[in-house]
Amino acid sequence: MKYLLMLYADEKAGAAIPPEQMAGFMGKMHAYQEALEKAGAFVATAGLTPTSDAKTIKLDAGQLKVHDGPYADTREQFGGYYIMEAPDMNRAMELAAQCPAATWGSIEIRPFHADR
């Protein structure tokens, strides 16, 4: 079954991290991806641009409404994701717990709907 790991962190705090320290964090994330690949669990990953680049849209009575940034103002922002394969949620949680992003933010794990 496929699982989406949504990585959340405080993007303002992340922007304040010195480049050399951020490079170290990114190195840990690359090592995590390699570990998922070795485990046969890796499907895809990507980081996202800051929420200041985001737009939230909604159709209201046929009219497009556009909001700058994310819809909700939260302490942590959705910054990237992994898609992985795991036999069940317990294994998905074990693999997610190894992600370095869990040490500076939170990770939401959601299963994909089963293929029909």
PDB file of N, CA and C in Angstrom:
ATOM      1  N   MET A   1       0.843  -1.158   0.000  1.00  0.00           N
ATOM      2  CA  MET A   1       0.000   0.000   0.000  1.00  0.00           C
ATOM      3  C   MET A   1       0.901   1.238   0.000  1.00  0.00           C
ATOM      4  N   LYS A   2       0.461   2.285  -0.683  1.00  0.00           N
ATOM      5  CA  LYS A   2       1.215   3.537  -0.710  1.00  0.00           C
ATOM      6  C   LYS A   2       0.768   4.444   0.444  1.00  0.00           C
ATOM      7  N   TYR A   3       1.750   5.155   0.991  1.00  0.00           N
ATOM      8  CA  TYR A   3       1.516   6.110   2.062  1.00  0.00           C
ATOM      9  C   TYR A   3       2.158   7.439   1.697  1.00  0.00           C
ATOM     10  N   LEU A   4       1.475   8.517   2.052  1.00  0.00           N
ATOM     11  CA  LEU A   4       2.001   9.862   1.875  1.00  0.00           C
ATOM     12  C   LEU A   4       2.487  10.356   3.218  1.00  0.00           C
ATOM     13  N   LEU A   5       3.743  10.761   3.284  1.00  0.00           N
ATOM     14  CA  LEU A   5       4.302  11.374   4.486  1.00  0.00           C
ATOM     15  C   LEU A   5       4.360  12.871   4.210  1.00  0.00           C
ATOM     16  N   MET A   6       3.557  13.640   4.910  1.00  0.00           N
ATOM     17  CA  MET A   6       3.535  15.092   4.740  1.00  0.00           C
ATOM     18  C   MET A   6       4.400  15.703   5.831  1.00  0.00           C
ATOM     19  N   LEU A   7       5.433  16.418   5.425  1.00  0.00           N
ATOM     20  CA  LEU A   7       6.406  16.972   6.347  1.00  0.00           C
ATOM     21  C   LEU A   7       6.030  18.405   6.691  1.00  0.00           C
ATOM     22  N   TYR A   8       5.854  18.674   7.968  1.00  0.00           N
ATOM     23  CA  TYR A   8       5.484  20.000   8.449  1.00  0.00           C
ATOM     24  C   TYR A   8       6.592  20.564   9.324  1.00  0.00           C
ATOM     25  N   ALA A   9       6.862  21.861   9.174  1.00  0.00           N
ATOM     26  CA  ALA A   9       7.842  22.537  10.017  1.00  0.00           C
ATOM     27  C   ALA A   9       7.566  24.031   9.975  1.00  0.00           C
ATOM     28  N   ASP A  10       8.189  24.758  10.857  1.00  0.00           N
ATOM     29  CA  ASP A  10       8.067  26.212  10.893  1.00  0.00           C
ATOM     30  C   ASP A  10       9.002  26.783   9.835  1.00  0.00           C
ATOM     31  N   GLU A  11       8.427  27.256   8.721  1.00  0.00           N
ATOM     32  CA  GLU A  11       9.277  27.705   7.619  1.00  0.00           C
ATOM     33  C   GLU A  11      10.062  28.979   7.974  1.00  0.00           C
ATOM     34  N   LYS A  12       9.561  29.805   8.866  1.00  0.00           N
ATOM     35  CA  LYS A  12      10.324  30.995   9.274  1.00  0.00           C
ATOM     36  C   LYS A  12      11.581  30.574  10.036  1.00  0.00           C
ATOM     37  N   ALA A  13      11.447  29.592  10.911  1.00  0.00           N
ATOM     38  CA  ALA A  13      12.612  29.088  11.638  1.00  0.00           C
ATOM     39  C   ALA A  13      13.587  28.432  10.662  1.00  0.00           C
ATOM     40  N   GLY A  14      13.062  27.705   9.675  1.00  0.00           N
ATOM     41  CA  GLY A  14      13.917  27.071   8.672  1.00  0.00           C
ATOM     42  C   GLY A  14      14.683  28.078   7.837  1.00  0.00           C
ATOM     43  N   ALA A  15      14.047  29.192   7.512  1.00  0.00           N
ATOM     44  CA  ALA A  15      14.700  30.230   6.707  1.00  0.00           C
ATOM     45  C   ALA A  15      15.842  30.896   7.473  1.00  0.00           C
ATOM     46  N   ALA A  16      15.805  30.822   8.790  1.00  0.00           N
ATOM     47  CA  ALA A  16      16.841  31.448   9.614  1.00  0.00           C
ATOM     48  C   ALA A  16      18.061  30.543   9.829  1.00  0.00           C
ATOM     49  N   ILE A  17      17.980  29.307   9.363  1.00  0.00           N
ATOM     50  CA  ILE A  17      19.097  28.370   9.549  1.00  0.00           C
ATOM     51  C   ILE A  17      20.224  28.744   8.585  1.00  0.00           C
ATOM     52  N   PRO A  18      21.464  28.853   9.075  1.00  0.00           N
ATOM     53  CA  PRO A  18      22.594  29.174   8.195  1.00  0.00           C
ATOM     54  C   PRO A  18      22.740  28.119   7.077  1.00  0.00           C
ATOM     55  N   PRO A  19      23.154  28.551   5.885  1.00  0.00           N
ATOM     56  CA  PRO A  19      23.242  27.636   4.731  1.00  0.00           C
ATOM     57  C   PRO A  19      24.059  26.371   4.985  1.00  0.00           C
ATOM     58  N   GLU A  20      25.183  26.488   5.690  1.00  0.00           N
ATOM     59  CA  GLU A  20      26.010  25.295   5.929  1.00  0.00           C
ATOM     60  C   GLU A  20      25.301  24.299   6.845  1.00  0.00           C
ATOM     61  N   GLN A  21      24.531  24.814   7.808  1.00  0.00           N
ATOM     62  CA  GLN A  21      23.767  23.934   8.693  1.00  0.00           C
ATOM     63  C   GLN A  21      22.604  23.308   7.911  1.00  0.00           C
ATOM     64  N   MET A  22      21.956  24.079   7.045  1.00  0.00           N
ATOM     65  CA  MET A  22      20.863  23.549   6.224  1.00  0.00           C
ATOM     66  C   MET A  22      21.387  22.461   5.296  1.00  0.00           C
ATOM     67  N   ALA A  23      22.566  22.644   4.751  1.00  0.00           N
ATOM     68  CA  ALA A  23      23.164  21.623   3.883  1.00  0.00           C
ATOM     69  C   ALA A  23      23.322  20.307   4.647  1.00  0.00           C
ATOM     70  N   GLY A  24      23.689  20.391   5.922  1.00  0.00           N
ATOM     71  CA  GLY A  24      23.797  19.184   6.751  1.00  0.00           C
ATOM     72  C   GLY A  24      22.450  18.511   6.930  1.00  0.00           C
ATOM     73  N   PHE A  25      21.403  19.306   7.171  1.00  0.00           N
ATOM     74  CA  PHE A  25      20.059  18.739   7.307  1.00  0.00           C
ATOM     75  C   PHE A  25      19.623  18.076   6.006  1.00  0.00           C
ATOM     76  N   MET A  26      19.900  18.721   4.871  1.00  0.00           N
ATOM     77  CA  MET A  26      19.507  18.159   3.575  1.00  0.00           C
ATOM     78  C   MET A  26      20.278  16.869   3.293  1.00  0.00           C
ATOM     79  N   GLY A  27      21.523  16.814   3.758  1.00  0.00           N
ATOM     80  CA  GLY A  27      22.298  15.578   3.626  1.00  0.00           C
ATOM     81  C   GLY A  27      21.639  14.430   4.380  1.00  0.00           C
ATOM     82  N   LYS A  28      21.103  14.729   5.554  1.00  0.00           N
ATOM     83  CA  LYS A  28      20.383  13.705   6.327  1.00  0.00           C
ATOM     84  C   LYS A  28      19.119  13.261   5.593  1.00  0.00           C
ATOM     85  N   MET A  29      18.448  14.207   4.945  1.00  0.00           N
ATOM     86  CA  MET A  29      17.230  13.857   4.197  1.00  0.00           C
ATOM     87  C   MET A  29      17.571  12.970   2.999  1.00  0.00           C
ATOM     88  N   HIS A  30      18.685  13.259   2.331  1.00  0.00           N
ATOM     89  CA  HIS A  30      19.114  12.417   1.207  1.00  0.00           C
ATOM     90  C   HIS A  30      19.476  11.015   1.699  1.00  0.00           C
ATOM     91  N   ALA A  31      20.115  10.929   2.853  1.00  0.00           N
ATOM     92  CA  ALA A  31      20.451   9.620   3.425  1.00  0.00           C
ATOM     93  C   ALA A  31      19.174   8.854   3.768  1.00  0.00           C
ATOM     94  N   TYR A  32      18.162   9.567   4.247  1.00  0.00           N
ATOM     95  CA  TYR A  32      16.878   8.917   4.549  1.00  0.00           C
ATOM     96  C   TYR A  32      16.270   8.352   3.270  1.00  0.00           C
ATOM     97  N   GLN A  33      16.305   9.129   2.182  1.00  0.00           N
ATOM     98  CA  GLN A  33      15.781   8.633   0.910  1.00  0.00           C
ATOM     99  C   GLN A  33      16.528   7.375   0.475  1.00  0.00           C
ATOM    100  N   GLU A  34      17.837   7.368   0.615  1.00  0.00           N
ATOM    101  CA  GLU A  34      18.627   6.189   0.269  1.00  0.00           C
ATOM    102  C   GLU A  34      18.221   4.988   1.119  1.00  0.00           C
ATOM    103  N   ALA A  35      17.946   5.211   2.403  1.00  0.00           N
ATOM    104  CA  ALA A  35      17.511   4.117   3.279  1.00  0.00           C
ATOM    105  C   ALA A  35      16.160   3.565   2.825  1.00  0.00           C
ATOM    106  N   LEU A  36      15.243   4.459   2.421  1.00  0.00           N
ATOM    107  CA  LEU A  36      13.948   3.995   1.904  1.00  0.00           C
ATOM    108  C   LEU A  36      14.138   3.202   0.617  1.00  0.00           C
ATOM    109  N   GLU A  37      15.047   3.667  -0.245  1.00  0.00           N
ATOM    110  CA  GLU A  37      15.319   2.952  -1.495  1.00  0.00           C
ATOM    111  C   GLU A  37      15.844   1.547  -1.204  1.00  0.00           C
ATOM    112  N   LYS A  38      16.797   1.440  -0.269  1.00  0.00           N
ATOM    113  CA  LYS A  38      17.366   0.132   0.093  1.00  0.00           C
ATOM    114  C   LYS A  38      16.296  -0.787   0.675  1.00  0.00           C
ATOM    115  N   ALA A  39      15.323  -0.214   1.389  1.00  0.00           N
ATOM    116  CA  ALA A  39      14.248  -1.012   1.985  1.00  0.00           C
ATOM    117  C   ALA A  39      13.162  -1.357   0.967  1.00  0.00           C
ATOM    118  N   GLY A  40      13.291  -0.841  -0.260  1.00  0.00           N
ATOM    119  CA  GLY A  40      12.272  -1.097  -1.282  1.00  0.00           C
ATOM    120  C   GLY A  40      10.983  -0.341  -1.028  1.00  0.00           C
ATOM    121  N   ALA A  41      11.053   0.738  -0.250  1.00  0.00           N
ATOM    122  CA  ALA A  41       9.848   1.473   0.137  1.00  0.00           C
ATOM    123  C   ALA A  41       9.703   2.812  -0.582  1.00  0.00           C
ATOM    124  N   PHE A  42      10.779   3.318  -1.186  1.00  0.00           N
ATOM    125  CA  PHE A  42      10.748   4.648  -1.782  1.00  0.00           C
ATOM    126  C   PHE A  42       9.935   4.676  -3.075  1.00  0.00           C
ATOM    127  N   VAL A  43       9.046   5.683  -3.191  1.00  0.00           N
ATOM    128  CA  VAL A  43       8.303   5.921  -4.427  1.00  0.00           C
ATOM    129  C   VAL A  43       8.659   7.292  -4.994  1.00  0.00           C
ATOM    130  N   ALA A  44       8.533   8.363  -4.190  1.00  0.00           N
ATOM    131  CA  ALA A  44       8.804   9.720  -4.670  1.00  0.00           C
ATOM    132  C   ALA A  44       8.984  10.664  -3.497  1.00  0.00           C
ATOM    133  N   THR A  45       9.582  11.817  -3.772  1.00  0.00           N
ATOM    134  CA  THR A  45       9.721  12.870  -2.778  1.00  0.00           C
ATOM    135  C   THR A  45       9.835  14.209  -3.484  1.00  0.00           C
ATOM    136  N   ALA A  46       9.507  15.277  -2.791  1.00  0.00           N
ATOM    137  CA  ALA A  46       9.706  16.633  -3.294  1.00  0.00           C
ATOM    138  C   ALA A  46       9.572  17.606  -2.145  1.00  0.00           C
ATOM    139  N   GLY A  47      10.307  18.686  -2.250  1.00  0.00           N
ATOM    140  CA  GLY A  47      10.155  19.792  -1.323  1.00  0.00           C
ATOM    141  C   GLY A  47       9.273  20.846  -1.974  1.00  0.00           C
ATOM    142  N   LEU A  48       8.684  21.679  -1.179  1.00  0.00           N
ATOM    143  CA  LEU A  48       7.801  22.722  -1.685  1.00  0.00           C
ATOM    144  C   LEU A  48       8.415  24.090  -1.447  1.00  0.00           C
ATOM    145  N   THR A  49       8.034  25.058  -2.274  1.00  0.00           N
ATOM    146  CA  THR A  49       8.470  26.437  -2.062  1.00  0.00           C
ATOM    147  C   THR A  49       7.725  26.992  -0.851  1.00  0.00           C
ATOM    148  N   PRO A  50       8.129  28.154  -0.336  1.00  0.00           N
ATOM    149  CA  PRO A  50       7.472  28.721   0.848  1.00  0.00           C
ATOM    150  C   PRO A  50       5.986  29.017   0.615  1.00  0.00           C
ATOM    151  N   THR A  51       5.253  29.110   1.698  1.00  0.00           N
ATOM    152  CA  THR A  51       3.817  29.375   1.615  1.00  0.00           C
ATOM    153  C   THR A  51       3.532  30.730   0.986  1.00  0.00           C
ATOM    154  N   SER A  52       4.508  31.630   0.985  1.00  0.00           N
ATOM    155  CA  SER A  52       4.298  32.932   0.336  1.00  0.00           C
ATOM    156  C   SER A  52       4.102  32.782  -1.174  1.00  0.00           C
ATOM    157  N   ASP A  53       4.508  31.654  -1.735  1.00  0.00           N
ATOM    158  CA  ASP A  53       4.309  31.365  -3.162  1.00  0.00           C
ATOM    159  C   ASP A  53       2.966  30.699  -3.433  1.00  0.00           C
ATOM    160  N   ALA A  54       2.255  30.300  -2.393  1.00  0.00           N
ATOM    161  CA  ALA A  54       1.031  29.514  -2.544  1.00  0.00           C
ATOM    162  C   ALA A  54      -0.191  30.375  -2.842  1.00  0.00           C
ATOM    163  N   LYS A  55      -1.157  29.761  -3.463  1.00  0.00           N
ATOM    164  CA  LYS A  55      -2.492  30.330  -3.663  1.00  0.00           C
ATOM    165  C   LYS A  55      -3.487  29.259  -3.237  1.00  0.00           C
ATOM    166  N   THR A  56      -4.561  29.670  -2.598  1.00  0.00           N
ATOM    167  CA  THR A  56      -5.652  28.773  -2.259  1.00  0.00           C
ATOM    168  C   THR A  56      -6.864  29.261  -3.040  1.00  0.00           C
ATOM    169  N   ILE A  57      -7.509  28.336  -3.758  1.00  0.00           N
ATOM    170  CA  ILE A  57      -8.658  28.730  -4.568  1.00  0.00           C
ATOM    171  C   ILE A  57      -9.916  28.024  -4.097  1.00  0.00           C
ATOM    172  N   LYS A  58     -11.034  28.640  -4.411  1.00  0.00           N
ATOM    173  CA  LYS A  58     -12.334  28.070  -4.077  1.00  0.00           C
ATOM    174  C   LYS A  58     -13.344  28.620  -5.075  1.00  0.00           C
ATOM    175  N   LEU A  59     -14.247  27.769  -5.525  1.00  0.00           N
ATOM    176  CA  LEU A  59     -15.356  28.241  -6.347  1.00  0.00           C
ATOM    177  C   LEU A  59     -16.530  28.522  -5.426  1.00  0.00           C
ATOM    178  N   ASP A  60     -17.006  29.761  -5.442  1.00  0.00           N
ATOM    179  CA  ASP A  60     -18.113  30.190  -4.599  1.00  0.00           C
ATOM    180  C   ASP A  60     -19.201  30.743  -5.519  1.00  0.00           C
ATOM    181  N   ALA A  61     -20.289  30.008  -5.636  1.00  0.00           N
ATOM    182  CA  ALA A  61     -21.395  30.397  -6.524  1.00  0.00           C
ATOM    183  C   ALA A  61     -20.889  30.638  -7.944  1.00  0.00           C
ATOM    184  N   GLY A  62     -19.977  29.773  -8.392  1.00  0.00           N
ATOM    185  CA  GLY A  62     -19.455  29.867  -9.745  1.00  0.00           C
ATOM    186  C   GLY A  62     -18.348  30.887  -9.926  1.00  0.00           C
ATOM    187  N   GLN A  63     -18.010  31.631  -8.894  1.00  0.00           N
ATOM    188  CA  GLN A  63     -16.948  32.642  -8.961  1.00  0.00           C
ATOM    189  C   GLN A  63     -15.675  32.091  -8.315  1.00  0.00           C
ATOM    190  N   LEU A  64     -14.564  32.279  -9.006  1.00  0.00           N
ATOM    191  CA  LEU A  64     -13.279  31.852  -8.471  1.00  0.00           C
ATOM    192  C   LEU A  64     -12.809  32.844  -7.416  1.00  0.00           C
ATOM    193  N   LYS A  65     -12.573  32.351  -6.218  1.00  0.00           N
ATOM    194  CA  LYS A  65     -12.032  33.153  -5.120  1.00  0.00           C
ATOM    195  C   LYS A  65     -10.589  32.698  -4.911  1.00  0.00           C
ATOM    196  N   VAL A  66      -9.679  33.646  -4.846  1.00  0.00           N
ATOM    197  CA  VAL A  66      -8.261  33.342  -4.698  1.00  0.00           C
ATOM    198  C   VAL A  66      -7.750  33.989  -3.417  1.00  0.00           C
ATOM    199  N   HIS A  67      -7.060  33.192  -2.617  1.00  0.00           N
ATOM    200  CA  HIS A  67      -6.466  33.662  -1.358  1.00  0.00           C
ATOM    201  C   HIS A  67      -4.955  33.462  -1.476  1.00  0.00           C
ATOM    202  N   ASP A  68      -4.167  34.476  -1.143  1.00  0.00           N
ATOM    203  CA  ASP A  68      -2.711  34.326  -1.134  1.00  0.00           C
ATOM    204  C   ASP A  68      -2.302  33.464   0.040  1.00  0.00           C
ATOM    205  N   GLY A  69      -1.429  32.519  -0.231  1.00  0.00           N
ATOM    206  CA  GLY A  69      -0.916  31.647   0.816  1.00  0.00           C
ATOM    207  C   GLY A  69      -1.863  30.507   1.138  1.00  0.00           C
ATOM    208  N   PRO A  70      -1.542  29.762   2.179  1.00  0.00           N
ATOM    209  CA  PRO A  70      -2.397  28.643   2.582  1.00  0.00           C
ATOM    210  C   PRO A  70      -3.699  29.148   3.193  1.00  0.00           C
ATOM    211  N   TYR A  71      -4.698  28.299   3.191  1.00  0.00           N
ATOM    212  CA  TYR A  71      -6.013  28.680   3.706  1.00  0.00           C
ATOM    213  C   TYR A  71      -5.965  28.950   5.207  1.00  0.00           C
ATOM    214  N   ALA A  72      -5.264  28.090   5.937  1.00  0.00           N
ATOM    215  CA  ALA A  72      -5.209  28.222   7.402  1.00  0.00           C
ATOM    216  C   ALA A  72      -3.863  28.812   7.815  1.00  0.00           C
ATOM    217  N   ASP A  73      -3.875  29.642   8.822  1.00  0.00           N
ATOM    218  CA  ASP A  73      -2.653  30.186   9.388  1.00  0.00           C
ATOM    219  C   ASP A  73      -2.254  29.263  10.537  1.00  0.00           C
ATOM    220  N   THR A  74      -1.139  28.561  10.381  1.00  0.00           N
ATOM    221  CA  THR A  74      -0.730  27.573  11.371  1.00  0.00           C
ATOM    222  C   THR A  74       0.709  27.813  11.811  1.00  0.00           C
ATOM    223  N   ARG A  75       1.080  27.170  12.887  1.00  0.00           N
ATOM    224  CA  ARG A  75       2.445  27.284  13.415  1.00  0.00           C
ATOM    225  C   ARG A  75       3.439  26.536  12.524  1.00  0.00           C
ATOM    226  N   GLU A  76       3.023  25.401  11.961  1.00  0.00           N
ATOM    227  CA  GLU A  76       3.874  24.623  11.068  1.00  0.00           C
ATOM    228  C   GLU A  76       3.258  24.623   9.673  1.00  0.00           C
ATOM    229  N   GLN A  77       4.118  24.614   8.667  1.00  0.00           N
ATOM    230  CA  GLN A  77       3.658  24.630   7.294  1.00  0.00           C
ATOM    231  C   GLN A  77       4.066  23.338   6.584  1.00  0.00           C
ATOM    232  N   PHE A  78       3.269  22.956   5.597  1.00  0.00           N
ATOM    233  CA  PHE A  78       3.532  21.778   4.776  1.00  0.00           C
ATOM    234  C   PHE A  78       4.690  22.118   3.853  1.00  0.00           C
ATOM    235  N   GLY A  79       5.819  21.447   4.035  1.00  0.00           N
ATOM    236  CA  GLY A  79       7.026  21.819   3.315  1.00  0.00           C
ATOM    237  C   GLY A  79       7.539  20.818   2.314  1.00  0.00           C
ATOM    238  N   GLY A  80       7.034  19.600   2.352  1.00  0.00           N
ATOM    239  CA  GLY A  80       7.506  18.578   1.431  1.00  0.00           C
ATOM    240  C   GLY A  80       6.845  17.256   1.744  1.00  0.00           C
ATOM    241  N   TYR A  81       7.172  16.270   0.944  1.00  0.00           N
ATOM    242  CA  TYR A  81       6.521  14.973   1.133  1.00  0.00           C
ATOM    243  C   TYR A  81       7.403  13.831   0.648  1.00  0.00           C
ATOM    244  N   TYR A  82       7.067  12.673   1.106  1.00  0.00           N
ATOM    245  CA  TYR A  82       7.564  11.406   0.578  1.00  0.00           C
ATOM    246  C   TYR A  82       6.351  10.554   0.277  1.00  0.00           C
ATOM    247  N   ILE A  83       6.436   9.766  -0.754  1.00  0.00           N
ATOM    248  CA  ILE A  83       5.468   8.706  -1.012  1.00  0.00           C
ATOM    249  C   ILE A  83       6.253   7.418  -0.883  1.00  0.00           C
ATOM    250  N   MET A  84       5.716   6.496  -0.091  1.00  0.00           N
ATOM    251  CA  MET A  84       6.419   5.230   0.105  1.00  0.00           C
ATOM    252  C   MET A  84       5.446   4.066   0.077  1.00  0.00           C
ATOM    253  N   GLU A  85       6.006   2.903  -0.089  1.00  0.00           N
ATOM    254  CA  GLU A  85       5.260   1.649  -0.046  1.00  0.00           C
ATOM    255  C   GLU A  85       5.534   0.984   1.294  1.00  0.00           C
ATOM    256  N   ALA A  86       4.488   0.481   1.914  1.00  0.00           N
ATOM    257  CA  ALA A  86       4.630  -0.283   3.158  1.00  0.00           C
ATOM    258  C   ALA A  86       3.465  -1.256   3.248  1.00  0.00           C
ATOM    259  N   PRO A  87       3.662  -2.402   3.881  1.00  0.00           N
ATOM    260  CA  PRO A  87       2.582  -3.391   3.962  1.00  0.00           C
ATOM    261  C   PRO A  87       1.418  -2.956   4.844  1.00  0.00           C
ATOM    262  N   ASP A  88       1.696  -2.062   5.826  1.00  0.00           N
ATOM    263  CA  ASP A  88       0.629  -1.614   6.727  1.00  0.00           C
ATOM    264  C   ASP A  88       1.051  -0.324   7.429  1.00  0.00           C
ATOM    265  N   MET A  89       0.135   0.277   8.166  1.00  0.00           N
ATOM    266  CA  MET A  89       0.404   1.543   8.848  1.00  0.00           C
ATOM    267  C   MET A  89       1.520   1.414   9.875  1.00  0.00           C
ATOM    268  N   ASN A  90       1.606   0.286  10.561  1.00  0.00           N
ATOM    269  CA  ASN A  90       2.670   0.131  11.550  1.00  0.00           C
ATOM    270  C   ASN A  90       4.046   0.246  10.905  1.00  0.00           C
ATOM    271  N   ARG A  91       4.235  -0.394   9.758  1.00  0.00           N
ATOM    272  CA  ARG A  91       5.520  -0.318   9.054  1.00  0.00           C
ATOM    273  C   ARG A  91       5.731   1.098   8.520  1.00  0.00           C
ATOM    274  N   ALA A  92       4.672   1.732   8.014  1.00  0.00           N
ATOM    275  CA  ALA A  92       4.782   3.108   7.532  1.00  0.00           C
ATOM    276  C   ALA A  92       5.242   4.030   8.664  1.00  0.00           C
ATOM    277  N   MET A  93       4.710   3.828   9.873  1.00  0.00           N
ATOM    278  CA  MET A  93       5.122   4.646  11.022  1.00  0.00           C
ATOM    279  C   MET A  93       6.581   4.377  11.394  1.00  0.00           C
ATOM    280  N   GLU A  94       6.999   3.113  11.329  1.00  0.00           N
ATOM    281  CA  GLU A  94       8.399   2.781  11.626  1.00  0.00           C
ATOM    282  C   GLU A  94       9.338   3.504  10.664  1.00  0.00           C
ATOM    283  N   LEU A  95       8.997   3.459   9.376  1.00  0.00           N
ATOM    284  CA  LEU A  95       9.837   4.111   8.375  1.00  0.00           C
ATOM    285  C   LEU A  95       9.792   5.635   8.518  1.00  0.00           C
ATOM    286  N   ALA A  96       8.622   6.184   8.789  1.00  0.00           N
ATOM    287  CA  ALA A  96       8.488   7.639   8.957  1.00  0.00           C
ATOM    288  C   ALA A  96       9.276   8.117  10.170  1.00  0.00           C
ATOM    289  N   ALA A  97       9.329   7.320  11.224  1.00  0.00           N
ATOM    290  CA  ALA A  97      10.046   7.705  12.439  1.00  0.00           C
ATOM    291  C   ALA A  97      11.549   7.857  12.192  1.00  0.00           C
ATOM    292  N   GLN A  98      12.044   7.266  11.115  1.00  0.00           N
ATOM    293  CA  GLN A  98      13.459   7.385  10.768  1.00  0.00           C
ATOM    294  C   GLN A  98      13.762   8.660   9.991  1.00  0.00           C
ATOM    295  N   CYS A  99      12.735   9.378   9.568  1.00  0.00           N
ATOM    296  CA  CYS A  99      12.917  10.597   8.775  1.00  0.00           C
ATOM    297  C   CYS A  99      13.460  11.712   9.665  1.00  0.00           C
ATOM    298  N   PRO A 100      14.571  12.335   9.271  1.00  0.00           N
ATOM    299  CA  PRO A 100      15.125  13.426  10.076  1.00  0.00           C
ATOM    300  C   PRO A 100      14.144  14.576  10.300  1.00  0.00           C
ATOM    301  N   ALA A 101      13.210  14.781   9.389  1.00  0.00           N
ATOM    302  CA  ALA A 101      12.244  15.870   9.534  1.00  0.00           C
ATOM    303  C   ALA A 101      11.391  15.722  10.787  1.00  0.00           C
ATOM    304  N   ALA A 102      11.295  14.511  11.319  1.00  0.00           N
ATOM    305  CA  ALA A 102      10.517  14.291  12.544  1.00  0.00           C
ATOM    306  C   ALA A 102      11.191  14.931  13.753  1.00  0.00           C
ATOM    307  N   THR A 103      12.464  15.295  13.634  1.00  0.00           N
ATOM    308  CA  THR A 103      13.165  15.920  14.757  1.00  0.00           C
ATOM    309  C   THR A 103      12.980  17.427  14.800  1.00  0.00           C
ATOM    310  N   TRP A 104      12.544  18.049  13.693  1.00  0.00           N
ATOM    311  CA  TRP A 104      12.334  19.506  13.703  1.00  0.00           C
ATOM    312  C   TRP A 104      10.925  19.919  13.349  1.00  0.00           C
ATOM    313  N   GLY A 105      10.066  18.957  13.095  1.00  0.00           N
ATOM    314  CA  GLY A 105       8.664  19.242  12.787  1.00  0.00           C
ATOM    315  C   GLY A 105       7.847  17.977  12.979  1.00  0.00           C
ATOM    316  N   SER A 106       6.695  17.945  12.375  1.00  0.00           N
ATOM    317  CA  SER A 106       5.857  16.752  12.492  1.00  0.00           C
ATOM    318  C   SER A 106       5.636  16.146  11.112  1.00  0.00           C
ATOM    319  N   ILE A 107       5.258  14.874  11.115  1.00  0.00           N
ATOM    320  CA  ILE A 107       4.998  14.148   9.880  1.00  0.00           C
ATOM    321  C   ILE A 107       3.609  13.537   9.980  1.00  0.00           C
ATOM    322  N   GLU A 108       2.766  13.889   9.049  1.00  0.00           N
ATOM    323  CA  GLU A 108       1.436  13.269   8.951  1.00  0.00           C
ATOM    324  C   GLU A 108       1.538  12.135   7.945  1.00  0.00           C
ATOM    325  N   ILE A 109       1.024  10.966   8.327  1.00  0.00           N
ATOM    326  CA  ILE A 109       1.072   9.780   7.472  1.00  0.00           C
ATOM    327  C   ILE A 109      -0.345   9.451   7.045  1.00  0.00           C
ATOM    328  N   ARG A 110      -0.576   9.395   5.737  1.00  0.00           N
ATOM    329  CA  ARG A 110      -1.914   9.090   5.226  1.00  0.00           C
ATOM    330  C   ARG A 110      -1.803   8.018   4.156  1.00  0.00           C
ATOM    331  N   PRO A 111      -2.604   6.954   4.289  1.00  0.00           N
ATOM    332  CA  PRO A 111      -2.614   5.934   3.241  1.00  0.00           C
ATOM    333  C   PRO A 111      -3.373   6.431   2.017  1.00  0.00           C
ATOM    334  N   PHE A 112      -2.933   5.985   0.862  1.00  0.00           N
ATOM    335  CA  PHE A 112      -3.666   6.236  -0.371  1.00  0.00           C
ATOM    336  C   PHE A 112      -4.895   5.326  -0.352  1.00  0.00           C
ATOM    337  N   HIS A 113      -5.947   5.705  -1.061  1.00  0.00           N
ATOM    338  CA  HIS A 113      -7.070   4.798  -1.247  1.00  0.00           C
ATOM    339  C   HIS A 113      -6.559   3.570  -1.999  1.00  0.00           C
ATOM    340  N   ALA A 114      -7.063   2.426  -1.660  1.00  0.00           N
ATOM    341  CA  ALA A 114      -6.678   1.209  -2.363  1.00  0.00           C
ATOM    342  C   ALA A 114      -7.067   1.338  -3.830  1.00  0.00           C
ATOM    343  N   ASP A 115      -6.193   0.807  -4.704  1.00  0.00           N
ATOM    344  CA  ASP A 115      -6.520   0.834  -6.138  1.00  0.00           C
ATOM    345  C   ASP A 115      -7.808   0.082  -6.377  1.00  0.00           C
ATOM    346  N   ARG A 116      -8.593   0.645  -7.247  1.00  0.00           N
ATOM    347  CA  ARG A 116      -9.879  -0.001  -7.553  1.00  0.00           C
ATOM    348  C   ARG A 116      -9.762  -0.800  -8.798  1.00  0.00           C
TER     349      ARG A 116
END
